[in-house]
Amino acid sequence: MLKDLSTQPTRVRALDQLHRGDQIEARLSVGPSYDDVVIRRGSVQETAPGIGVVWIMDQLSGLRKAINTDECTVWRVA
């Protein structure tokens, strides 16, 4: 499990609000009575708002990962 950060996360509803270097989390909803699960955390590398994808440098693996906003929600954490 990923460690919690001290700042209050805010949901990103439009990818054009993100900039290179922003720290974000990708969260997946697991059910109506459960909190969302953080599946990725890292810094923004590139965004493609037209297709709903953001690429991050993943903190855990150190690899570049794509996040599809059709599958999860995006939260700015720093």
PDB file of N, CA and C in Angstrom:
ATOM      1  N   MET A   1       0.841  -1.184   0.000  1.00  0.00           N
ATOM      2  CA  MET A   1       0.000   0.000   0.000  1.00  0.00           C
ATOM      3  C   MET A   1       0.878   1.235   0.000  1.00  0.00           C
ATOM      4  N   LEU A   2       0.438   2.276  -0.644  1.00  0.00           N
ATOM      5  CA  LEU A   2       1.198   3.515  -0.720  1.00  0.00           C
ATOM      6  C   LEU A   2       1.000   4.337   0.542  1.00  0.00           C
ATOM      7  N   LYS A   3       2.043   5.069   0.948  1.00  0.00           N
ATOM      8  CA  LYS A   3       1.946   5.924   2.132  1.00  0.00           C
ATOM      9  C   LYS A   3       1.095   7.149   1.829  1.00  0.00           C
ATOM     10  N   ASP A   4       0.382   7.636   2.848  1.00  0.00           N
ATOM     11  CA  ASP A   4      -0.422   8.845   2.694  1.00  0.00           C
ATOM     12  C   ASP A   4       0.478  10.067   2.698  1.00  0.00           C
ATOM     13  N   LEU A   5       0.089  11.064   1.932  1.00  0.00           N
ATOM     14  CA  LEU A   5       0.801  12.337   1.919  1.00  0.00           C
ATOM     15  C   LEU A   5       0.089  13.303   2.854  1.00  0.00           C
ATOM     16  N   SER A   6       0.794  14.319   3.329  1.00  0.00           N
ATOM     17  CA  SER A   6       0.235  15.230   4.320  1.00  0.00           C
ATOM     18  C   SER A   6      -0.712  16.261   3.709  1.00  0.00           C
ATOM     19  N   THR A   7      -0.657  16.504   2.404  1.00  0.00           N
ATOM     20  CA  THR A   7      -1.531  17.487   1.784  1.00  0.00           C
ATOM     21  C   THR A   7      -2.891  16.888   1.478  1.00  0.00           C
ATOM     22  N   GLN A   8      -3.889  17.736   1.361  1.00  0.00           N
ATOM     23  CA  GLN A   8      -5.244  17.306   1.067  1.00  0.00           C
ATOM     24  C   GLN A   8      -5.393  17.113  -0.444  1.00  0.00           C
ATOM     25  N   PRO A   9      -5.684  15.908  -0.905  1.00  0.00           N
ATOM     26  CA  PRO A   9      -5.857  15.671  -2.340  1.00  0.00           C
ATOM     27  C   PRO A   9      -7.087  16.385  -2.885  1.00  0.00           C
ATOM     28  N   THR A  10      -7.005  16.841  -4.124  1.00  0.00           N
ATOM     29  CA  THR A  10      -8.148  17.450  -4.803  1.00  0.00           C
ATOM     30  C   THR A  10      -8.358  16.731  -6.127  1.00  0.00           C
ATOM     31  N   ARG A  11      -9.607  16.456  -6.443  1.00  0.00           N
ATOM     32  CA  ARG A  11      -9.910  15.721  -7.669  1.00  0.00           C
ATOM     33  C   ARG A  11      -9.694  16.600  -8.894  1.00  0.00           C
ATOM     34  N   VAL A  12      -9.091  16.032  -9.906  1.00  0.00           N
ATOM     35  CA  VAL A  12      -8.873  16.711 -11.184  1.00  0.00           C
ATOM     36  C   VAL A  12      -9.962  16.219 -12.131  1.00  0.00           C
ATOM     37  N   ARG A  13     -10.812  17.134 -12.567  1.00  0.00           N
ATOM     38  CA  ARG A  13     -11.929  16.746 -13.425  1.00  0.00           C
ATOM     39  C   ARG A  13     -11.626  16.984 -14.904  1.00  0.00           C
ATOM     40  N   ALA A  14     -10.615  17.805 -15.202  1.00  0.00           N
ATOM     41  CA  ALA A  14     -10.213  18.070 -16.589  1.00  0.00           C
ATOM     42  C   ALA A  14      -8.694  17.978 -16.665  1.00  0.00           C
ATOM     43  N   LEU A  15      -8.193  17.159 -17.572  1.00  0.00           N
ATOM     44  CA  LEU A  15      -6.749  16.936 -17.665  1.00  0.00           C
ATOM     45  C   LEU A  15      -5.974  18.181 -18.081  1.00  0.00           C
ATOM     46  N   ASP A  16      -6.650  19.168 -18.688  1.00  0.00           N
ATOM     47  CA  ASP A  16      -5.939  20.394 -19.044  1.00  0.00           C
ATOM     48  C   ASP A  16      -5.594  21.235 -17.815  1.00  0.00           C
ATOM     49  N   GLN A  17      -6.046  20.827 -16.620  1.00  0.00           N
ATOM     50  CA  GLN A  17      -5.663  21.482 -15.365  1.00  0.00           C
ATOM     51  C   GLN A  17      -4.302  21.005 -14.874  1.00  0.00           C
ATOM     52  N   LEU A  18      -3.797  19.918 -15.458  1.00  0.00           N
ATOM     53  CA  LEU A  18      -2.525  19.339 -15.013  1.00  0.00           C
ATOM     54  C   LEU A  18      -1.349  19.913 -15.789  1.00  0.00           C
ATOM     55  N   HIS A  19      -0.206  19.949 -15.106  1.00  0.00           N
ATOM     56  CA  HIS A  19       1.032  20.432 -15.714  1.00  0.00           C
ATOM     57  C   HIS A  19       2.141  19.435 -15.423  1.00  0.00           C
ATOM     58  N   ARG A  20       3.133  19.432 -16.276  1.00  0.00           N
ATOM     59  CA  ARG A  20       4.289  18.553 -16.091  1.00  0.00           C
ATOM     60  C   ARG A  20       4.883  18.774 -14.697  1.00  0.00           C
ATOM     61  N   GLY A  21       5.118  17.688 -13.979  1.00  0.00           N
ATOM     62  CA  GLY A  21       5.684  17.765 -12.638  1.00  0.00           C
ATOM     63  C   GLY A  21       4.674  17.716 -11.511  1.00  0.00           C
ATOM     64  N   ASP A  22       3.375  17.935 -11.808  1.00  0.00           N
ATOM     65  CA  ASP A  22       2.348  17.817 -10.769  1.00  0.00           C
ATOM     66  C   ASP A  22       2.351  16.402 -10.206  1.00  0.00           C
ATOM     67  N   GLN A  23       2.178  16.284  -8.904  1.00  0.00           N
ATOM     68  CA  GLN A  23       2.090  14.982  -8.246  1.00  0.00           C
ATOM     69  C   GLN A  23       0.623  14.575  -8.201  1.00  0.00           C
ATOM     70  N   ILE A  24       0.316  13.395  -8.751  1.00  0.00           N
ATOM     71  CA  ILE A  24      -1.070  12.936  -8.802  1.00  0.00           C
ATOM     72  C   ILE A  24      -1.187  11.488  -8.346  1.00  0.00           C
ATOM     73  N   GLU A  25      -2.439  11.114  -8.064  1.00  0.00           N
ATOM     74  CA  GLU A  25      -2.794   9.726  -7.783  1.00  0.00           C
ATOM     75  C   GLU A  25      -3.883   9.313  -8.760  1.00  0.00           C
ATOM     76  N   ALA A  26      -3.862   8.063  -9.153  1.00  0.00           N
ATOM     77  CA  ALA A  26      -4.964   7.460  -9.907  1.00  0.00           C
ATOM     78  C   ALA A  26      -5.684   6.546  -8.933  1.00  0.00           C
ATOM     79  N   ARG A  27      -6.994   6.713  -8.829  1.00  0.00           N
ATOM     80  CA  ARG A  27      -7.783   5.926  -7.882  1.00  0.00           C
ATOM     81  C   ARG A  27      -8.859   5.149  -8.605  1.00  0.00           C
ATOM     82  N   LEU A  28      -9.088   3.934  -8.131  1.00  0.00           N
ATOM     83  CA  LEU A  28     -10.081   3.037  -8.703  1.00  0.00           C
ATOM     84  C   LEU A  28     -11.173   2.802  -7.670  1.00  0.00           C
ATOM     85  N   SER A  29     -12.418   2.950  -8.077  1.00  0.00           N
ATOM     86  CA  SER A  29     -13.541   2.706  -7.181  1.00  0.00           C
ATOM     87  C   SER A  29     -13.785   1.210  -7.072  1.00  0.00           C
ATOM     88  N   VAL A  30     -13.823   0.705  -5.845  1.00  0.00           N
ATOM     89  CA  VAL A  30     -14.005  -0.737  -5.638  1.00  0.00           C
ATOM     90  C   VAL A  30     -15.402  -1.099  -5.149  1.00  0.00           C
ATOM     91  N   GLY A  31     -16.243  -0.130  -4.929  1.00  0.00           N
ATOM     92  CA  GLY A  31     -17.602  -0.422  -4.495  1.00  0.00           C
ATOM     93  C   GLY A  31     -18.205   0.753  -3.770  1.00  0.00           C
ATOM     94  N   PRO A  32     -19.527   0.765  -3.649  1.00  0.00           N
ATOM     95  CA  PRO A  32     -20.203   1.915  -3.039  1.00  0.00           C
ATOM     96  C   PRO A  32     -19.908   2.099  -1.550  1.00  0.00           C
ATOM     97  N   SER A  33     -19.554   1.048  -0.855  1.00  0.00           N
ATOM     98  CA  SER A  33     -19.319   1.184   0.580  1.00  0.00           C
ATOM     99  C   SER A  33     -17.835   1.156   0.952  1.00  0.00           C
ATOM    100  N   TYR A  34     -16.955   1.329  -0.038  1.00  0.00           N
ATOM    101  CA  TYR A  34     -15.517   1.327   0.206  1.00  0.00           C
ATOM    102  C   TYR A  34     -14.891   2.603  -0.332  1.00  0.00           C
ATOM    103  N   ASP A  35     -13.768   3.002   0.265  1.00  0.00           N
ATOM    104  CA  ASP A  35     -13.012   4.126  -0.265  1.00  0.00           C
ATOM    105  C   ASP A  35     -12.336   3.714  -1.564  1.00  0.00           C
ATOM    106  N   ASP A  36     -12.023   4.705  -2.399  1.00  0.00           N
ATOM    107  CA  ASP A  36     -11.287   4.417  -3.625  1.00  0.00           C
ATOM    108  C   ASP A  36      -9.890   3.910  -3.280  1.00  0.00           C
ATOM    109  N   VAL A  37      -9.357   3.054  -4.122  1.00  0.00           N
ATOM    110  CA  VAL A  37      -8.040   2.466  -3.921  1.00  0.00           C
ATOM    111  C   VAL A  37      -7.035   3.179  -4.832  1.00  0.00           C
ATOM    112  N   VAL A  38      -5.910   3.605  -4.258  1.00  0.00           N
ATOM    113  CA  VAL A  38      -4.853   4.238  -5.048  1.00  0.00           C
ATOM    114  C   VAL A  38      -4.116   3.145  -5.818  1.00  0.00           C
ATOM    115  N   ILE A  39      -4.143   3.255  -7.160  1.00  0.00           N
ATOM    116  CA  ILE A  39      -3.478   2.239  -7.979  1.00  0.00           C
ATOM    117  C   ILE A  39      -2.168   2.748  -8.572  1.00  0.00           C
ATOM    118  N   ARG A  40      -2.005   4.059  -8.679  1.00  0.00           N
ATOM    119  CA  ARG A  40      -0.765   4.658  -9.175  1.00  0.00           C
ATOM    120  C   ARG A  40      -0.561   6.002  -8.488  1.00  0.00           C
ATOM    121  N   ARG A  41       0.705   6.366  -8.291  1.00  0.00           N
ATOM    122  CA  ARG A  41       1.054   7.689  -7.773  1.00  0.00           C
ATOM    123  C   ARG A  41       2.359   8.100  -8.441  1.00  0.00           C
ATOM    124  N   GLY A  42       2.423   9.359  -8.874  1.00  0.00           N
ATOM    125  CA  GLY A  42       3.654   9.823  -9.497  1.00  0.00           C
ATOM    126  C   GLY A  42       3.531  11.227 -10.049  1.00  0.00           C
ATOM    127  N   SER A  43       4.555  11.652 -10.780  1.00  0.00           N
ATOM    128  CA  SER A  43       4.577  13.005 -11.338  1.00  0.00           C
ATOM    129  C   SER A  43       4.155  12.975 -12.803  1.00  0.00           C
ATOM    130  N   VAL A  44       3.391  13.973 -13.188  1.00  0.00           N
ATOM    131  CA  VAL A  44       2.879  14.079 -14.554  1.00  0.00           C
ATOM    132  C   VAL A  44       4.035  14.288 -15.527  1.00  0.00           C
ATOM    133  N   GLN A  45       4.031  13.511 -16.594  1.00  0.00           N
ATOM    134  CA  GLN A  45       5.008  13.650 -17.666  1.00  0.00           C
ATOM    135  C   GLN A  45       4.375  14.304 -18.891  1.00  0.00           C
ATOM    136  N   GLU A  46       3.159  13.875 -19.217  1.00  0.00           N
ATOM    137  CA  GLU A  46       2.485  14.339 -20.432  1.00  0.00           C
ATOM    138  C   GLU A  46       0.994  14.096 -20.288  1.00  0.00           C
ATOM    139  N   THR A  47       0.181  14.940 -20.926  1.00  0.00           N
ATOM    140  CA  THR A  47      -1.267  14.746 -20.905  1.00  0.00           C
ATOM    141  C   THR A  47      -1.816  14.749 -22.328  1.00  0.00           C
ATOM    142  N   ALA A  48      -2.905  14.038 -22.513  1.00  0.00           N
ATOM    143  CA  ALA A  48      -3.647  14.034 -23.769  1.00  0.00           C
ATOM    144  C   ALA A  48      -5.130  14.174 -23.424  1.00  0.00           C
ATOM    145  N   PRO A  49      -5.566  15.416 -23.134  1.00  0.00           N
ATOM    146  CA  PRO A  49      -6.952  15.622 -22.707  1.00  0.00           C
ATOM    147  C   PRO A  49      -7.984  15.127 -23.714  1.00  0.00           C
ATOM    148  N   GLY A  50      -7.672  15.197 -24.993  1.00  0.00           N
ATOM    149  CA  GLY A  50      -8.613  14.780 -26.028  1.00  0.00           C
ATOM    150  C   GLY A  50      -8.988  13.314 -25.955  1.00  0.00           C
ATOM    151  N   ILE A  51      -8.073  12.476 -25.471  1.00  0.00           N
ATOM    152  CA  ILE A  51      -8.362  11.042 -25.368  1.00  0.00           C
ATOM    153  C   ILE A  51      -8.450  10.574 -23.916  1.00  0.00           C
ATOM    154  N   GLY A  52      -8.321  11.504 -22.963  1.00  0.00           N
ATOM    155  CA  GLY A  52      -8.493  11.173 -21.549  1.00  0.00           C
ATOM    156  C   GLY A  52      -7.363  10.358 -20.948  1.00  0.00           C
ATOM    157  N   VAL A  53      -6.125  10.646 -21.366  1.00  0.00           N
ATOM    158  CA  VAL A  53      -4.975   9.892 -20.860  1.00  0.00           C
ATOM    159  C   VAL A  53      -3.927  10.854 -20.313  1.00  0.00           C
ATOM    160  N   VAL A  54      -3.332  10.456 -19.198  1.00  0.00           N
ATOM    161  CA  VAL A  54      -2.199  11.181 -18.630  1.00  0.00           C
ATOM    162  C   VAL A  54      -1.086  10.165 -18.369  1.00  0.00           C
ATOM    163  N   TRP A  55       0.148  10.570 -18.690  1.00  0.00           N
ATOM    164  CA  TRP A  55       1.295   9.704 -18.429  1.00  0.00           C
ATOM    165  C   TRP A  55       2.042  10.238 -17.221  1.00  0.00           C
ATOM    166  N   ILE A  56       2.419   9.321 -16.329  1.00  0.00           N
ATOM    167  CA  ILE A  56       3.154   9.706 -15.128  1.00  0.00           C
ATOM    168  C   ILE A  56       4.435   8.891 -15.027  1.00  0.00           C
ATOM    169  N   MET A  57       5.355   9.390 -14.211  1.00  0.00           N
ATOM    170  CA  MET A  57       6.510   8.604 -13.799  1.00  0.00           C
ATOM    171  C   MET A  57       6.118   8.000 -12.462  1.00  0.00           C
ATOM    172  N   ASP A  58       5.840   6.705 -12.457  1.00  0.00           N
ATOM    173  CA  ASP A  58       5.327   6.003 -11.290  1.00  0.00           C
ATOM    174  C   ASP A  58       6.358   5.976 -10.160  1.00  0.00           C
ATOM    175  N   GLN A  59       5.941   6.345  -8.937  1.00  0.00           N
ATOM    176  CA  GLN A  59       6.847   6.384  -7.789  1.00  0.00           C
ATOM    177  C   GLN A  59       7.346   5.003  -7.385  1.00  0.00           C
ATOM    178  N   LEU A  60       6.492   4.007  -7.440  1.00  0.00           N
ATOM    179  CA  LEU A  60       6.889   2.674  -6.984  1.00  0.00           C
ATOM    180  C   LEU A  60       7.815   1.958  -7.955  1.00  0.00           C
ATOM    181  N   SER A  61       7.472   1.971  -9.224  1.00  0.00           N
ATOM    182  CA  SER A  61       8.249   1.205 -10.197  1.00  0.00           C
ATOM    183  C   SER A  61       9.344   2.021 -10.877  1.00  0.00           C
ATOM    184  N   GLY A  62       9.200   3.355 -10.883  1.00  0.00           N
ATOM    185  CA  GLY A  62      10.147   4.202 -11.601  1.00  0.00           C
ATOM    186  C   GLY A  62       9.937   4.181 -13.106  1.00  0.00           C
ATOM    187  N   LEU A  63       8.824   3.587 -13.546  1.00  0.00           N
ATOM    188  CA  LEU A  63       8.522   3.477 -14.969  1.00  0.00           C
ATOM    189  C   LEU A  63       7.434   4.467 -15.371  1.00  0.00           C
ATOM    190  N   ARG A  64       7.422   4.800 -16.649  1.00  0.00           N
ATOM    191  CA  ARG A  64       6.380   5.666 -17.197  1.00  0.00           C
ATOM    192  C   ARG A  64       5.107   4.832 -17.358  1.00  0.00           C
ATOM    193  N   LYS A  65       3.993   5.340 -16.821  1.00  0.00           N
ATOM    194  CA  LYS A  65       2.719   4.622 -16.863  1.00  0.00           C
ATOM    195  C   LYS A  65       1.628   5.531 -17.423  1.00  0.00           C
ATOM    196  N   ALA A  66       0.710   4.950 -18.186  1.00  0.00           N
ATOM    197  CA  ALA A  66      -0.444   5.676 -18.714  1.00  0.00           C
ATOM    198  C   ALA A  66      -1.633   5.459 -17.797  1.00  0.00           C
ATOM    199  N   ILE A  67      -2.378   6.528 -17.569  1.00  0.00           N
ATOM    200  CA  ILE A  67      -3.593   6.468 -16.764  1.00  0.00           C
ATOM    201  C   ILE A  67      -4.757   6.891 -17.653  1.00  0.00           C
ATOM    202  N   ASN A  68      -5.748   6.026 -17.778  1.00  0.00           N
ATOM    203  CA  ASN A  68      -6.929   6.307 -18.574  1.00  0.00           C
ATOM    204  C   ASN A  68      -8.032   6.788 -17.639  1.00  0.00           C
ATOM    205  N   THR A  69      -8.539   7.993 -17.882  1.00  0.00           N
ATOM    206  CA  THR A  69      -9.544   8.563 -16.979  1.00  0.00           C
ATOM    207  C   THR A  69     -10.927   7.942 -17.156  1.00  0.00           C
ATOM    208  N   ASP A  70     -11.100   7.079 -18.165  1.00  0.00           N
ATOM    209  CA  ASP A  70     -12.358   6.334 -18.286  1.00  0.00           C
ATOM    210  C   ASP A  70     -12.417   5.214 -17.248  1.00  0.00           C
ATOM    211  N   GLU A  71     -11.251   4.797 -16.762  1.00  0.00           N
ATOM    212  CA  GLU A  71     -11.175   3.674 -15.835  1.00  0.00           C
ATOM    213  C   GLU A  71     -10.976   4.089 -14.379  1.00  0.00           C
ATOM    214  N   CYS A  72     -10.431   5.274 -14.145  1.00  0.00           N
ATOM    215  CA  CYS A  72     -10.150   5.698 -12.768  1.00  0.00           C
ATOM    216  C   CYS A  72     -10.265   7.214 -12.652  1.00  0.00           C
ATOM    217  N   THR A  73     -10.211   7.701 -11.417  1.00  0.00           N
ATOM    218  CA  THR A  73     -10.233   9.137 -11.176  1.00  0.00           C
ATOM    219  C   THR A  73      -8.801   9.616 -10.886  1.00  0.00           C
ATOM    220  N   VAL A  74      -8.564  10.891 -11.158  1.00  0.00           N
ATOM    221  CA  VAL A  74      -7.234  11.484 -10.965  1.00  0.00           C
ATOM    222  C   VAL A  74      -7.331  12.526  -9.858  1.00  0.00           C
ATOM    223  N   TRP A  75      -6.356  12.490  -8.948  1.00  0.00           N
ATOM    224  CA  TRP A  75      -6.328  13.409  -7.803  1.00  0.00           C
ATOM    225  C   TRP A  75      -4.967  14.075  -7.713  1.00  0.00           C
ATOM    226  N   ARG A  76      -4.944  15.400  -7.561  1.00  0.00           N
ATOM    227  CA  ARG A  76      -3.679  16.125  -7.348  1.00  0.00           C
ATOM    228  C   ARG A  76      -3.343  16.043  -5.867  1.00  0.00           C
ATOM    229  N   VAL A  77      -2.137  15.611  -5.569  1.00  0.00           N
ATOM    230  CA  VAL A  77      -1.728  15.446  -4.167  1.00  0.00           C
ATOM    231  C   VAL A  77      -0.647  16.429  -3.755  1.00  0.00           C
ATOM    232  N   ALA A  78      -0.036  17.120  -4.676  1.00  0.00           N
ATOM    233  CA  ALA A  78       0.975  18.130  -4.331  1.00  0.00           C
ATOM    234  C   ALA A  78       1.076  19.153  -5.433  1.00  0.00           C
TER     235      ALA A  78
END
